[in-house]
Amino acid sequence: MKNIILEREIKKGQANAYGGLETSTPRKRTIPLKGIYMSWSVNDCYLKEIELDGKKYNIAFQCRVHPKFVFPFISSCNKKWLVVPESKYIRPYGIVVRGLN
């Protein structure tokens, strides 16, 4: 998360496990071979654990995504994901904080 804040960019991965497959929506489209994975739910998203004043928290970015560049799919373990081909279509606008203890 530090890199995202410093570089002001969410970088795409070099390999997409679901790249080349069709989306899980009625309007079938091919998922990009490389992209940025995003979650529909804070329960499934990428979280970063931090400690502040002796208390532990999970934090995650809340983002807006350009609807024309969203490729939704359901993974083999039944989780809903989105793939976005480029960071220019994503706008982080909030931080979700969840206390752990």
PDB file of N, CA and C in Angstrom:
ATOM      1  N   MET A   1       0.818  -1.188   0.000  1.00  0.00           N
ATOM      2  CA  MET A   1       0.000   0.000   0.000  1.00  0.00           C
ATOM      3  C   MET A   1       0.862   1.253   0.000  1.00  0.00           C
ATOM      4  N   LYS A   2       2.017   1.155   0.626  1.00  0.00           N
ATOM      5  CA  LYS A   2       2.918   2.302   0.653  1.00  0.00           C
ATOM      6  C   LYS A   2       3.299   2.710  -0.769  1.00  0.00           C
ATOM      7  N   ASN A   3       3.592   1.715  -1.633  1.00  0.00           N
ATOM      8  CA  ASN A   3       3.944   2.016  -3.020  1.00  0.00           C
ATOM      9  C   ASN A   3       2.801   2.683  -3.764  1.00  0.00           C
ATOM     10  N   ILE A   4       1.571   2.250  -3.492  1.00  0.00           N
ATOM     11  CA  ILE A   4       0.414   2.853  -4.149  1.00  0.00           C
ATOM     12  C   ILE A   4       0.316   4.325  -3.771  1.00  0.00           C
ATOM     13  N   ILE A   5       0.511   4.625  -2.492  1.00  0.00           N
ATOM     14  CA  ILE A   5       0.427   6.004  -2.032  1.00  0.00           C
ATOM     15  C   ILE A   5       1.574   6.831  -2.593  1.00  0.00           C
ATOM     16  N   LEU A   6       2.796   6.313  -2.546  1.00  0.00           N
ATOM     17  CA  LEU A   6       3.964   7.059  -3.022  1.00  0.00           C
ATOM     18  C   LEU A   6       3.939   7.269  -4.533  1.00  0.00           C
ATOM     19  N   GLU A   7       3.586   6.246  -5.274  1.00  0.00           N
ATOM     20  CA  GLU A   7       3.622   6.331  -6.727  1.00  0.00           C
ATOM     21  C   GLU A   7       2.322   6.836  -7.329  1.00  0.00           C
ATOM     22  N   ARG A   8       1.270   6.913  -6.494  1.00  0.00           N
ATOM     23  CA  ARG A   8      -0.043   7.385  -6.947  1.00  0.00           C
ATOM     24  C   ARG A   8      -0.591   6.549  -8.100  1.00  0.00           C
ATOM     25  N   GLU A   9      -0.292   5.252  -8.061  1.00  0.00           N
ATOM     26  CA  GLU A   9      -0.766   4.374  -9.116  1.00  0.00           C
ATOM     27  C   GLU A   9      -0.921   2.956  -8.583  1.00  0.00           C
ATOM     28  N   ILE A  10      -1.989   2.311  -8.984  1.00  0.00           N
ATOM     29  CA  ILE A  10      -2.176   0.899  -8.690  1.00  0.00           C
ATOM     30  C   ILE A  10      -1.637   0.145  -9.900  1.00  0.00           C
ATOM     31  N   LYS A  11      -0.671  -0.709  -9.674  1.00  0.00           N
ATOM     32  CA  LYS A  11      -0.031  -1.399 -10.799  1.00  0.00           C
ATOM     33  C   LYS A  11      -0.698  -2.739 -11.079  1.00  0.00           C
ATOM     34  N   LYS A  12      -0.735  -3.076 -12.357  1.00  0.00           N
ATOM     35  CA  LYS A  12      -1.320  -4.358 -12.737  1.00  0.00           C
ATOM     36  C   LYS A  12      -0.302  -5.470 -12.581  1.00  0.00           C
ATOM     37  N   GLY A  13      -0.819  -6.667 -12.341  1.00  0.00           N
ATOM     38  CA  GLY A  13       0.044  -7.830 -12.215  1.00  0.00           C
ATOM     39  C   GLY A  13       0.568  -8.271 -13.570  1.00  0.00           C
ATOM     40  N   GLN A  14       1.552  -9.125 -13.530  1.00  0.00           N
ATOM     41  CA  GLN A  14       2.159  -9.609 -14.770  1.00  0.00           C
ATOM     42  C   GLN A  14       1.480 -10.856 -15.310  1.00  0.00           C
ATOM     43  N   ALA A  15       0.635 -11.476 -14.504  1.00  0.00           N
ATOM     44  CA  ALA A  15      -0.080 -12.669 -14.955  1.00  0.00           C
ATOM     45  C   ALA A  15      -1.486 -12.649 -14.373  1.00  0.00           C
ATOM     46  N   ASN A  16      -2.446 -13.015 -15.164  1.00  0.00           N
ATOM     47  CA  ASN A  16      -3.832 -13.040 -14.741  1.00  0.00           C
ATOM     48  C   ASN A  16      -4.326 -14.475 -14.888  1.00  0.00           C
ATOM     49  N   ALA A  17      -4.614 -15.106 -13.756  1.00  0.00           N
ATOM     50  CA  ALA A  17      -5.024 -16.516 -13.768  1.00  0.00           C
ATOM     51  C   ALA A  17      -6.278 -16.749 -14.604  1.00  0.00           C
ATOM     52  N   TYR A  18      -7.125 -15.732 -14.725  1.00  0.00           N
ATOM     53  CA  TYR A  18      -8.382 -15.878 -15.458  1.00  0.00           C
ATOM     54  C   TYR A  18      -8.354 -15.158 -16.802  1.00  0.00           C
ATOM     55  N   GLY A  19      -7.186 -14.632 -17.178  1.00  0.00           N
ATOM     56  CA  GLY A  19      -7.043 -13.926 -18.452  1.00  0.00           C
ATOM     57  C   GLY A  19      -7.356 -14.828 -19.637  1.00  0.00           C
ATOM     58  N   GLY A  20      -8.083 -14.279 -20.580  1.00  0.00           N
ATOM     59  CA  GLY A  20      -8.455 -15.028 -21.772  1.00  0.00           C
ATOM     60  C   GLY A  20      -9.788 -15.743 -21.651  1.00  0.00           C
ATOM     61  N   LEU A  21     -10.321 -15.867 -20.428  1.00  0.00           N
ATOM     62  CA  LEU A  21     -11.630 -16.495 -20.232  1.00  0.00           C
ATOM     63  C   LEU A  21     -12.733 -15.465 -20.448  1.00  0.00           C
ATOM     64  N   GLU A  22     -13.980 -15.918 -20.504  1.00  0.00           N
ATOM     65  CA  GLU A  22     -15.102 -15.000 -20.667  1.00  0.00           C
ATOM     66  C   GLU A  22     -15.587 -14.506 -19.313  1.00  0.00           C
ATOM     67  N   THR A  23     -16.137 -13.288 -19.304  1.00  0.00           N
ATOM     68  CA  THR A  23     -16.700 -12.722 -18.080  1.00  0.00           C
ATOM     69  C   THR A  23     -17.928 -13.505 -17.653  1.00  0.00           C
ATOM     70  N   SER A  24     -18.317 -13.318 -16.380  1.00  0.00           N
ATOM     71  CA  SER A  24     -19.468 -14.061 -15.834  1.00  0.00           C
ATOM     72  C   SER A  24     -20.747 -13.234 -15.899  1.00  0.00           C
ATOM     73  N   THR A  25     -20.878 -12.406 -16.918  1.00  0.00           N
ATOM     74  CA  THR A  25     -22.065 -11.576 -17.095  1.00  0.00           C
ATOM     75  C   THR A  25     -22.777 -11.977 -18.387  1.00  0.00           C
ATOM     76  N   PRO A  26     -24.034 -11.597 -18.528  1.00  0.00           N
ATOM     77  CA  PRO A  26     -24.740 -11.938 -19.777  1.00  0.00           C
ATOM     78  C   PRO A  26     -24.044 -11.386 -21.018  1.00  0.00           C
ATOM     79  N   ARG A  27     -23.423 -10.211 -20.897  1.00  0.00           N
ATOM     80  CA  ARG A  27     -22.673  -9.640 -22.021  1.00  0.00           C
ATOM     81  C   ARG A  27     -21.252 -10.191 -21.960  1.00  0.00           C
ATOM     82  N   LYS A  28     -21.014 -11.283 -22.627  1.00  0.00           N
ATOM     83  CA  LYS A  28     -19.722 -11.979 -22.554  1.00  0.00           C
ATOM     84  C   LYS A  28     -18.618 -11.153 -23.208  1.00  0.00           C
ATOM     85  N   ARG A  29     -17.518 -11.011 -22.471  1.00  0.00           N
ATOM     86  CA  ARG A  29     -16.323 -10.341 -22.996  1.00  0.00           C
ATOM     87  C   ARG A  29     -15.125 -11.139 -22.514  1.00  0.00           C
ATOM     88  N   THR A  30     -14.011 -11.007 -23.199  1.00  0.00           N
ATOM     89  CA  THR A  30     -12.797 -11.725 -22.823  1.00  0.00           C
ATOM     90  C   THR A  30     -12.036 -10.930 -21.768  1.00  0.00           C
ATOM     91  N   ILE A  31     -11.668 -11.602 -20.674  1.00  0.00           N
ATOM     92  CA  ILE A  31     -10.917 -10.971 -19.589  1.00  0.00           C
ATOM     93  C   ILE A  31      -9.491 -10.701 -20.071  1.00  0.00           C
ATOM     94  N   PRO A  32      -8.948  -9.490 -19.797  1.00  0.00           N
ATOM     95  CA  PRO A  32      -7.586  -9.169 -20.245  1.00  0.00           C
ATOM     96  C   PRO A  32      -6.547 -10.147 -19.683  1.00  0.00           C
ATOM     97  N   LEU A  33      -5.470 -10.370 -20.454  1.00  0.00           N
ATOM     98  CA  LEU A  33      -4.411 -11.269 -20.002  1.00  0.00           C
ATOM     99  C   LEU A  33      -3.640 -10.686 -18.823  1.00  0.00           C
ATOM    100  N   LYS A  34      -3.525  -9.372 -18.762  1.00  0.00           N
ATOM    101  CA  LYS A  34      -2.890  -8.705 -17.622  1.00  0.00           C
ATOM    102  C   LYS A  34      -3.842  -7.638 -17.121  1.00  0.00           C
ATOM    103  N   GLY A  35      -3.904  -7.474 -15.809  1.00  0.00           N
ATOM    104  CA  GLY A  35      -4.812  -6.479 -15.262  1.00  0.00           C
ATOM    105  C   GLY A  35      -4.702  -6.359 -13.765  1.00  0.00           C
ATOM    106  N   ILE A  36      -5.606  -5.578 -13.198  1.00  0.00           N
ATOM    107  CA  ILE A  36      -5.653  -5.329 -11.765  1.00  0.00           C
ATOM    108  C   ILE A  36      -6.891  -6.018 -11.211  1.00  0.00           C
ATOM    109  N   TYR A  37      -6.672  -6.893 -10.248  1.00  0.00           N
ATOM    110  CA  TYR A  37      -7.777  -7.595  -9.603  1.00  0.00           C
ATOM    111  C   TYR A  37      -8.399  -6.699  -8.548  1.00  0.00           C
ATOM    112  N   MET A  38      -9.722  -6.653  -8.526  1.00  0.00           N
ATOM    113  CA  MET A  38     -10.436  -5.903  -7.501  1.00  0.00           C
ATOM    114  C   MET A  38     -11.571  -6.792  -7.002  1.00  0.00           C
ATOM    115  N   SER A  39     -11.988  -6.549  -5.765  1.00  0.00           N
ATOM    116  CA  SER A  39     -13.031  -7.369  -5.157  1.00  0.00           C
ATOM    117  C   SER A  39     -14.337  -6.595  -5.059  1.00  0.00           C
ATOM    118  N   TRP A  40     -15.432  -7.321  -5.103  1.00  0.00           N
ATOM    119  CA  TRP A  40     -16.748  -6.728  -4.877  1.00  0.00           C
ATOM    120  C   TRP A  40     -16.993  -6.521  -3.386  1.00  0.00           C
ATOM    121  N   SER A  41     -16.247  -7.234  -2.547  1.00  0.00           N
ATOM    122  CA  SER A  41     -16.529  -7.262  -1.108  1.00  0.00           C
ATOM    123  C   SER A  41     -15.258  -7.034  -0.293  1.00  0.00           C
ATOM    124  N   VAL A  42     -15.392  -6.283   0.792  1.00  0.00           N
ATOM    125  CA  VAL A  42     -14.252  -6.070   1.685  1.00  0.00           C
ATOM    126  C   VAL A  42     -13.830  -7.385   2.345  1.00  0.00           C
ATOM    127  N   ASN A  43     -14.721  -8.353   2.412  1.00  0.00           N
ATOM    128  CA  ASN A  43     -14.391  -9.649   3.010  1.00  0.00           C
ATOM    129  C   ASN A  43     -13.436 -10.457   2.125  1.00  0.00           C
ATOM    130  N   ASP A  44     -13.390 -10.158   0.834  1.00  0.00           N
ATOM    131  CA  ASP A  44     -12.547 -10.904  -0.099  1.00  0.00           C
ATOM    132  C   ASP A  44     -11.382 -10.100  -0.660  1.00  0.00           C
ATOM    133  N   CYS A  45     -11.301  -8.838  -0.323  1.00  0.00           N
ATOM    134  CA  CYS A  45     -10.295  -7.974  -0.956  1.00  0.00           C
ATOM    135  C   CYS A  45      -8.911  -8.143  -0.327  1.00  0.00           C
ATOM    136  N   TYR A  46      -7.935  -7.503  -0.952  1.00  0.00           N
ATOM    137  CA  TYR A  46      -6.571  -7.503  -0.434  1.00  0.00           C
ATOM    138  C   TYR A  46      -6.499  -6.515   0.721  1.00  0.00           C
ATOM    139  N   LEU A  47      -6.177  -7.012   1.917  1.00  0.00           N
ATOM    140  CA  LEU A  47      -6.117  -6.189   3.122  1.00  0.00           C
ATOM    141  C   LEU A  47      -4.684  -6.056   3.599  1.00  0.00           C
ATOM    142  N   LYS A  48      -4.399  -4.954   4.240  1.00  0.00           N
ATOM    143  CA  LYS A  48      -3.091  -4.728   4.857  1.00  0.00           C
ATOM    144  C   LYS A  48      -3.328  -4.568   6.360  1.00  0.00           C
ATOM    145  N   GLU A  49      -2.620  -5.346   7.159  1.00  0.00           N
ATOM    146  CA  GLU A  49      -2.745  -5.234   8.610  1.00  0.00           C
ATOM    147  C   GLU A  49      -1.760  -4.187   9.122  1.00  0.00           C
ATOM    148  N   ILE A  50      -2.273  -3.285   9.948  1.00  0.00           N
ATOM    149  CA  ILE A  50      -1.417  -2.264  10.561  1.00  0.00           C
ATOM    150  C   ILE A  50      -1.654  -2.258  12.062  1.00  0.00           C
ATOM    151  N   GLU A  51      -0.705  -1.684  12.810  1.00  0.00           N
ATOM    152  CA  GLU A  51      -0.861  -1.526  14.250  1.00  0.00           C
ATOM    153  C   GLU A  51      -0.730  -0.042  14.569  1.00  0.00           C
ATOM    154  N   LEU A  52      -1.670   0.459  15.376  1.00  0.00           N
ATOM    155  CA  LEU A  52      -1.686   1.859  15.755  1.00  0.00           C
ATOM    156  C   LEU A  52      -2.076   1.967  17.221  1.00  0.00           C
ATOM    157  N   ASP A  53      -1.210   2.546  18.018  1.00  0.00           N
ATOM    158  CA  ASP A  53      -1.448   2.684  19.464  1.00  0.00           C
ATOM    159  C   ASP A  53      -1.758   1.349  20.132  1.00  0.00           C
ATOM    160  N   GLY A  54      -1.059   0.297  19.725  1.00  0.00           N
ATOM    161  CA  GLY A  54      -1.226  -1.017  20.328  1.00  0.00           C
ATOM    162  C   GLY A  54      -2.440  -1.795  19.838  1.00  0.00           C
ATOM    163  N   LYS A  55      -3.214  -1.235  18.919  1.00  0.00           N
ATOM    164  CA  LYS A  55      -4.379  -1.926  18.369  1.00  0.00           C
ATOM    165  C   LYS A  55      -4.108  -2.286  16.915  1.00  0.00           C
ATOM    166  N   LYS A  56      -4.639  -3.444  16.495  1.00  0.00           N
ATOM    167  CA  LYS A  56      -4.441  -3.909  15.128  1.00  0.00           C
ATOM    168  C   LYS A  56      -5.683  -3.626  14.282  1.00  0.00           C
ATOM    169  N   TYR A  57      -5.415  -3.251  13.029  1.00  0.00           N
ATOM    170  CA  TYR A  57      -6.485  -2.931  12.090  1.00  0.00           C
ATOM    171  C   TYR A  57      -6.157  -3.525  10.725  1.00  0.00           C
ATOM    172  N   ASN A  58      -7.187  -3.822   9.962  1.00  0.00           N
ATOM    173  CA  ASN A  58      -7.054  -4.132   8.544  1.00  0.00           C
ATOM    174  C   ASN A  58      -7.479  -2.895   7.778  1.00  0.00           C
ATOM    175  N   ILE A  59      -6.706  -2.543   6.733  1.00  0.00           N
ATOM    176  CA  ILE A  59      -7.102  -1.420   5.892  1.00  0.00           C
ATOM    177  C   ILE A  59      -7.123  -1.865   4.433  1.00  0.00           C
ATOM    178  N   ALA A  60      -7.977  -1.212   3.673  1.00  0.00           N
ATOM    179  CA  ALA A  60      -8.083  -1.480   2.239  1.00  0.00           C
ATOM    180  C   ALA A  60      -8.532  -0.197   1.552  1.00  0.00           C
ATOM    181  N   PHE A  61      -8.215  -0.073   0.278  1.00  0.00           N
ATOM    182  CA  PHE A  61      -8.683   1.070  -0.496  1.00  0.00           C
ATOM    183  C   PHE A  61     -10.092   0.807  -1.014  1.00  0.00           C
ATOM    184  N   GLN A  62     -10.918   1.828  -0.963  1.00  0.00           N
ATOM    185  CA  GLN A  62     -12.228   1.795  -1.602  1.00  0.00           C
ATOM    186  C   GLN A  62     -12.066   2.566  -2.907  1.00  0.00           C
ATOM    187  N   CYS A  63     -12.468   1.953  -4.014  1.00  0.00           N
ATOM    188  CA  CYS A  63     -12.182   2.546  -5.324  1.00  0.00           C
ATOM    189  C   CYS A  63     -13.432   2.669  -6.187  1.00  0.00           C
ATOM    190  N   ARG A  64     -13.371   3.633  -7.067  1.00  0.00           N
ATOM    191  CA  ARG A  64     -14.345   3.750  -8.144  1.00  0.00           C
ATOM    192  C   ARG A  64     -13.669   3.238  -9.407  1.00  0.00           C
ATOM    193  N   VAL A  65     -14.452   2.598 -10.251  1.00  0.00           N
ATOM    194  CA  VAL A  65     -13.897   2.032 -11.477  1.00  0.00           C
ATOM    195  C   VAL A  65     -14.784   2.443 -12.646  1.00  0.00           C
ATOM    196  N   HIS A  66     -14.155   2.843 -13.748  1.00  0.00           N
ATOM    197  CA  HIS A  66     -14.903   3.205 -14.950  1.00  0.00           C
ATOM    198  C   HIS A  66     -15.681   1.974 -15.418  1.00  0.00           C
ATOM    199  N   PRO A  67     -17.006   2.069 -15.521  1.00  0.00           N
ATOM    200  CA  PRO A  67     -17.820   0.875 -15.817  1.00  0.00           C
ATOM    201  C   PRO A  67     -17.543   0.217 -17.164  1.00  0.00           C
ATOM    202  N   LYS A  68     -17.036   0.950 -18.126  1.00  0.00           N
ATOM    203  CA  LYS A  68     -16.767   0.354 -19.440  1.00  0.00           C
ATOM    204  C   LYS A  68     -15.529  -0.542 -19.434  1.00  0.00           C
ATOM    205  N   PHE A  69     -14.719  -0.434 -18.363  1.00  0.00           N
ATOM    206  CA  PHE A  69     -13.460  -1.177 -18.326  1.00  0.00           C
ATOM    207  C   PHE A  69     -13.410  -2.163 -17.163  1.00  0.00           C
ATOM    208  N   VAL A  70     -14.568  -2.692 -16.808  1.00  0.00           N
ATOM    209  CA  VAL A  70     -14.677  -3.685 -15.735  1.00  0.00           C
ATOM    210  C   VAL A  70     -14.977  -5.037 -16.371  1.00  0.00           C
ATOM    211  N   PHE A  71     -14.198  -6.033 -15.984  1.00  0.00           N
ATOM    212  CA  PHE A  71     -14.395  -7.399 -16.476  1.00  0.00           C
ATOM    213  C   PHE A  71     -14.693  -8.289 -15.273  1.00  0.00           C
ATOM    214  N   PRO A  72     -15.985  -8.505 -14.943  1.00  0.00           N
ATOM    215  CA  PRO A  72     -16.335  -9.307 -13.768  1.00  0.00           C
ATOM    216  C   PRO A  72     -16.264 -10.810 -14.044  1.00  0.00           C
ATOM    217  N   PHE A  73     -15.923 -11.546 -12.998  1.00  0.00           N
ATOM    218  CA  PHE A  73     -15.952 -13.005 -13.103  1.00  0.00           C
ATOM    219  C   PHE A  73     -16.073 -13.601 -11.714  1.00  0.00           C
ATOM    220  N   ILE A  74     -16.452 -14.861 -11.680  1.00  0.00           N
ATOM    221  CA  ILE A  74     -16.544 -15.613 -10.425  1.00  0.00           C
ATOM    222  C   ILE A  74     -15.448 -16.663 -10.463  1.00  0.00           C
ATOM    223  N   SER A  75     -14.596 -16.661  -9.433  1.00  0.00           N
ATOM    224  CA  SER A  75     -13.459 -17.583  -9.406  1.00  0.00           C
ATOM    225  C   SER A  75     -13.909 -19.007  -9.118  1.00  0.00           C
ATOM    226  N   SER A  76     -12.965 -19.924  -9.216  1.00  0.00           N
ATOM    227  CA  SER A  76     -13.265 -21.337  -8.973  1.00  0.00           C
ATOM    228  C   SER A  76     -13.699 -21.595  -7.536  1.00  0.00           C
ATOM    229  N   CYS A  77     -13.367 -20.682  -6.609  1.00  0.00           N
ATOM    230  CA  CYS A  77     -13.804 -20.843  -5.207  1.00  0.00           C
ATOM    231  C   CYS A  77     -15.035 -19.975  -4.903  1.00  0.00           C
ATOM    232  N   ASN A  78     -15.764 -19.582  -5.946  1.00  0.00           N
ATOM    233  CA  ASN A  78     -17.036 -18.854  -5.853  1.00  0.00           C
ATOM    234  C   ASN A  78     -16.920 -17.438  -5.293  1.00  0.00           C
ATOM    235  N   LYS A  79     -15.797 -16.775  -5.481  1.00  0.00           N
ATOM    236  CA  LYS A  79     -15.654 -15.376  -5.070  1.00  0.00           C
ATOM    237  C   LYS A  79     -15.802 -14.486  -6.292  1.00  0.00           C
ATOM    238  N   LYS A  80     -16.457 -13.343  -6.093  1.00  0.00           N
ATOM    239  CA  LYS A  80     -16.662 -12.397  -7.186  1.00  0.00           C
ATOM    240  C   LYS A  80     -15.476 -11.449  -7.278  1.00  0.00           C
ATOM    241  N   TRP A  81     -14.910 -11.338  -8.480  1.00  0.00           N
ATOM    242  CA  TRP A  81     -13.768 -10.468  -8.728  1.00  0.00           C
ATOM    243  C   TRP A  81     -14.023  -9.611  -9.953  1.00  0.00           C
ATOM    244  N   LEU A  82     -13.250  -8.549 -10.041  1.00  0.00           N
ATOM    245  CA  LEU A  82     -13.241  -7.697 -11.222  1.00  0.00           C
ATOM    246  C   LEU A  82     -11.802  -7.612 -11.713  1.00  0.00           C
ATOM    247  N   VAL A  83     -11.616  -7.555 -12.997  1.00  0.00           N
ATOM    248  CA  VAL A  83     -10.303  -7.264 -13.553  1.00  0.00           C
ATOM    249  C   VAL A  83     -10.444  -5.959 -14.328  1.00  0.00           C
ATOM    250  N   VAL A  84      -9.525  -5.043 -14.072  1.00  0.00           N
ATOM    251  CA  VAL A  84      -9.489  -3.756 -14.762  1.00  0.00           C
ATOM    252  C   VAL A  84      -8.154  -3.712 -15.511  1.00  0.00           C
ATOM    253  N   PRO A  85      -8.169  -3.424 -16.817  1.00  0.00           N
ATOM    254  CA  PRO A  85      -6.945  -3.542 -17.604  1.00  0.00           C
ATOM    255  C   PRO A  85      -5.863  -2.502 -17.297  1.00  0.00           C
ATOM    256  N   GLU A  86      -6.229  -1.299 -16.856  1.00  0.00           N
ATOM    257  CA  GLU A  86      -5.250  -0.236 -16.617  1.00  0.00           C
ATOM    258  C   GLU A  86      -5.625   0.563 -15.374  1.00  0.00           C
ATOM    259  N   SER A  87      -4.626   1.069 -14.679  1.00  0.00           N
ATOM    260  CA  SER A  87      -4.873   1.846 -13.462  1.00  0.00           C
ATOM    261  C   SER A  87      -5.567   3.173 -13.739  1.00  0.00           C
ATOM    262  N   LYS A  88      -5.482   3.681 -14.959  1.00  0.00           N
ATOM    263  CA  LYS A  88      -6.125   4.959 -15.269  1.00  0.00           C
ATOM    264  C   LYS A  88      -7.650   4.876 -15.166  1.00  0.00           C
ATOM    265  N   TYR A  89      -8.212   3.670 -15.103  1.00  0.00           N
ATOM    266  CA  TYR A  89      -9.650   3.498 -14.970  1.00  0.00           C
ATOM    267  C   TYR A  89     -10.086   3.317 -13.513  1.00  0.00           C
ATOM    268  N   ILE A  90      -9.157   3.434 -12.580  1.00  0.00           N
ATOM    269  CA  ILE A  90      -9.437   3.230 -11.148  1.00  0.00           C
ATOM    270  C   ILE A  90      -9.145   4.517 -10.396  1.00  0.00           C
ATOM    271  N   ARG A  91     -10.055   4.893  -9.492  1.00  0.00           N
ATOM    272  CA  ARG A  91      -9.859   6.065  -8.645  1.00  0.00           C
ATOM    273  C   ARG A  91     -10.087   5.684  -7.178  1.00  0.00           C
ATOM    274  N   PRO A  92      -9.005   5.490  -6.406  1.00  0.00           N
ATOM    275  CA  PRO A  92      -9.187   5.280  -4.971  1.00  0.00           C
ATOM    276  C   PRO A  92      -9.769   6.554  -4.359  1.00  0.00           C
ATOM    277  N   TYR A  93     -10.803   6.416  -3.549  1.00  0.00           N
ATOM    278  CA  TYR A  93     -11.410   7.606  -2.957  1.00  0.00           C
ATOM    279  C   TYR A  93     -11.657   7.456  -1.468  1.00  0.00           C
ATOM    280  N   GLY A  94     -11.285   6.337  -0.889  1.00  0.00           N
ATOM    281  CA  GLY A  94     -11.497   6.152   0.540  1.00  0.00           C
ATOM    282  C   GLY A  94     -10.645   5.006   1.055  1.00  0.00           C
ATOM    283  N   ILE A  95     -10.535   4.957   2.369  1.00  0.00           N
ATOM    284  CA  ILE A  95      -9.828   3.856   3.028  1.00  0.00           C
ATOM    285  C   ILE A  95     -10.799   3.193   3.993  1.00  0.00           C
ATOM    286  N   VAL A  96     -10.929   1.893   3.861  1.00  0.00           N
ATOM    287  CA  VAL A  96     -11.777   1.112   4.761  1.00  0.00           C
ATOM    288  C   VAL A  96     -10.904   0.617   5.900  1.00  0.00           C
ATOM    289  N   VAL A  97     -11.335   0.858   7.145  1.00  0.00           N
ATOM    290  CA  VAL A  97     -10.577   0.460   8.329  1.00  0.00           C
ATOM    291  C   VAL A  97     -11.447  -0.466   9.162  1.00  0.00           C
ATOM    292  N   ARG A  98     -10.883  -1.617   9.526  1.00  0.00           N
ATOM    293  CA  ARG A  98     -11.625  -2.588  10.349  1.00  0.00           C
ATOM    294  C   ARG A  98     -10.753  -2.991  11.525  1.00  0.00           C
ATOM    295  N   GLY A  99     -11.264  -2.792  12.749  1.00  0.00           N
ATOM    296  CA  GLY A  99     -10.538  -3.172  13.948  1.00  0.00           C
ATOM    297  C   GLY A  99     -10.468  -4.675  14.124  1.00  0.00           C
ATOM    298  N   LEU A 100      -9.309  -5.168  14.580  1.00  0.00           N
ATOM    299  CA  LEU A 100      -9.123  -6.608  14.777  1.00  0.00           C
ATOM    300  C   LEU A 100      -9.170  -7.015  16.238  1.00  0.00           C
ATOM    301  N   ASN A 101      -8.883  -6.087  17.143  1.00  0.00           N
ATOM    302  CA  ASN A 101      -8.934  -6.446  18.568  1.00  0.00           C
ATOM    303  C   ASN A 101      -9.495  -5.330  19.407  1.00  0.00           C
TER     304      ASN A 101
END
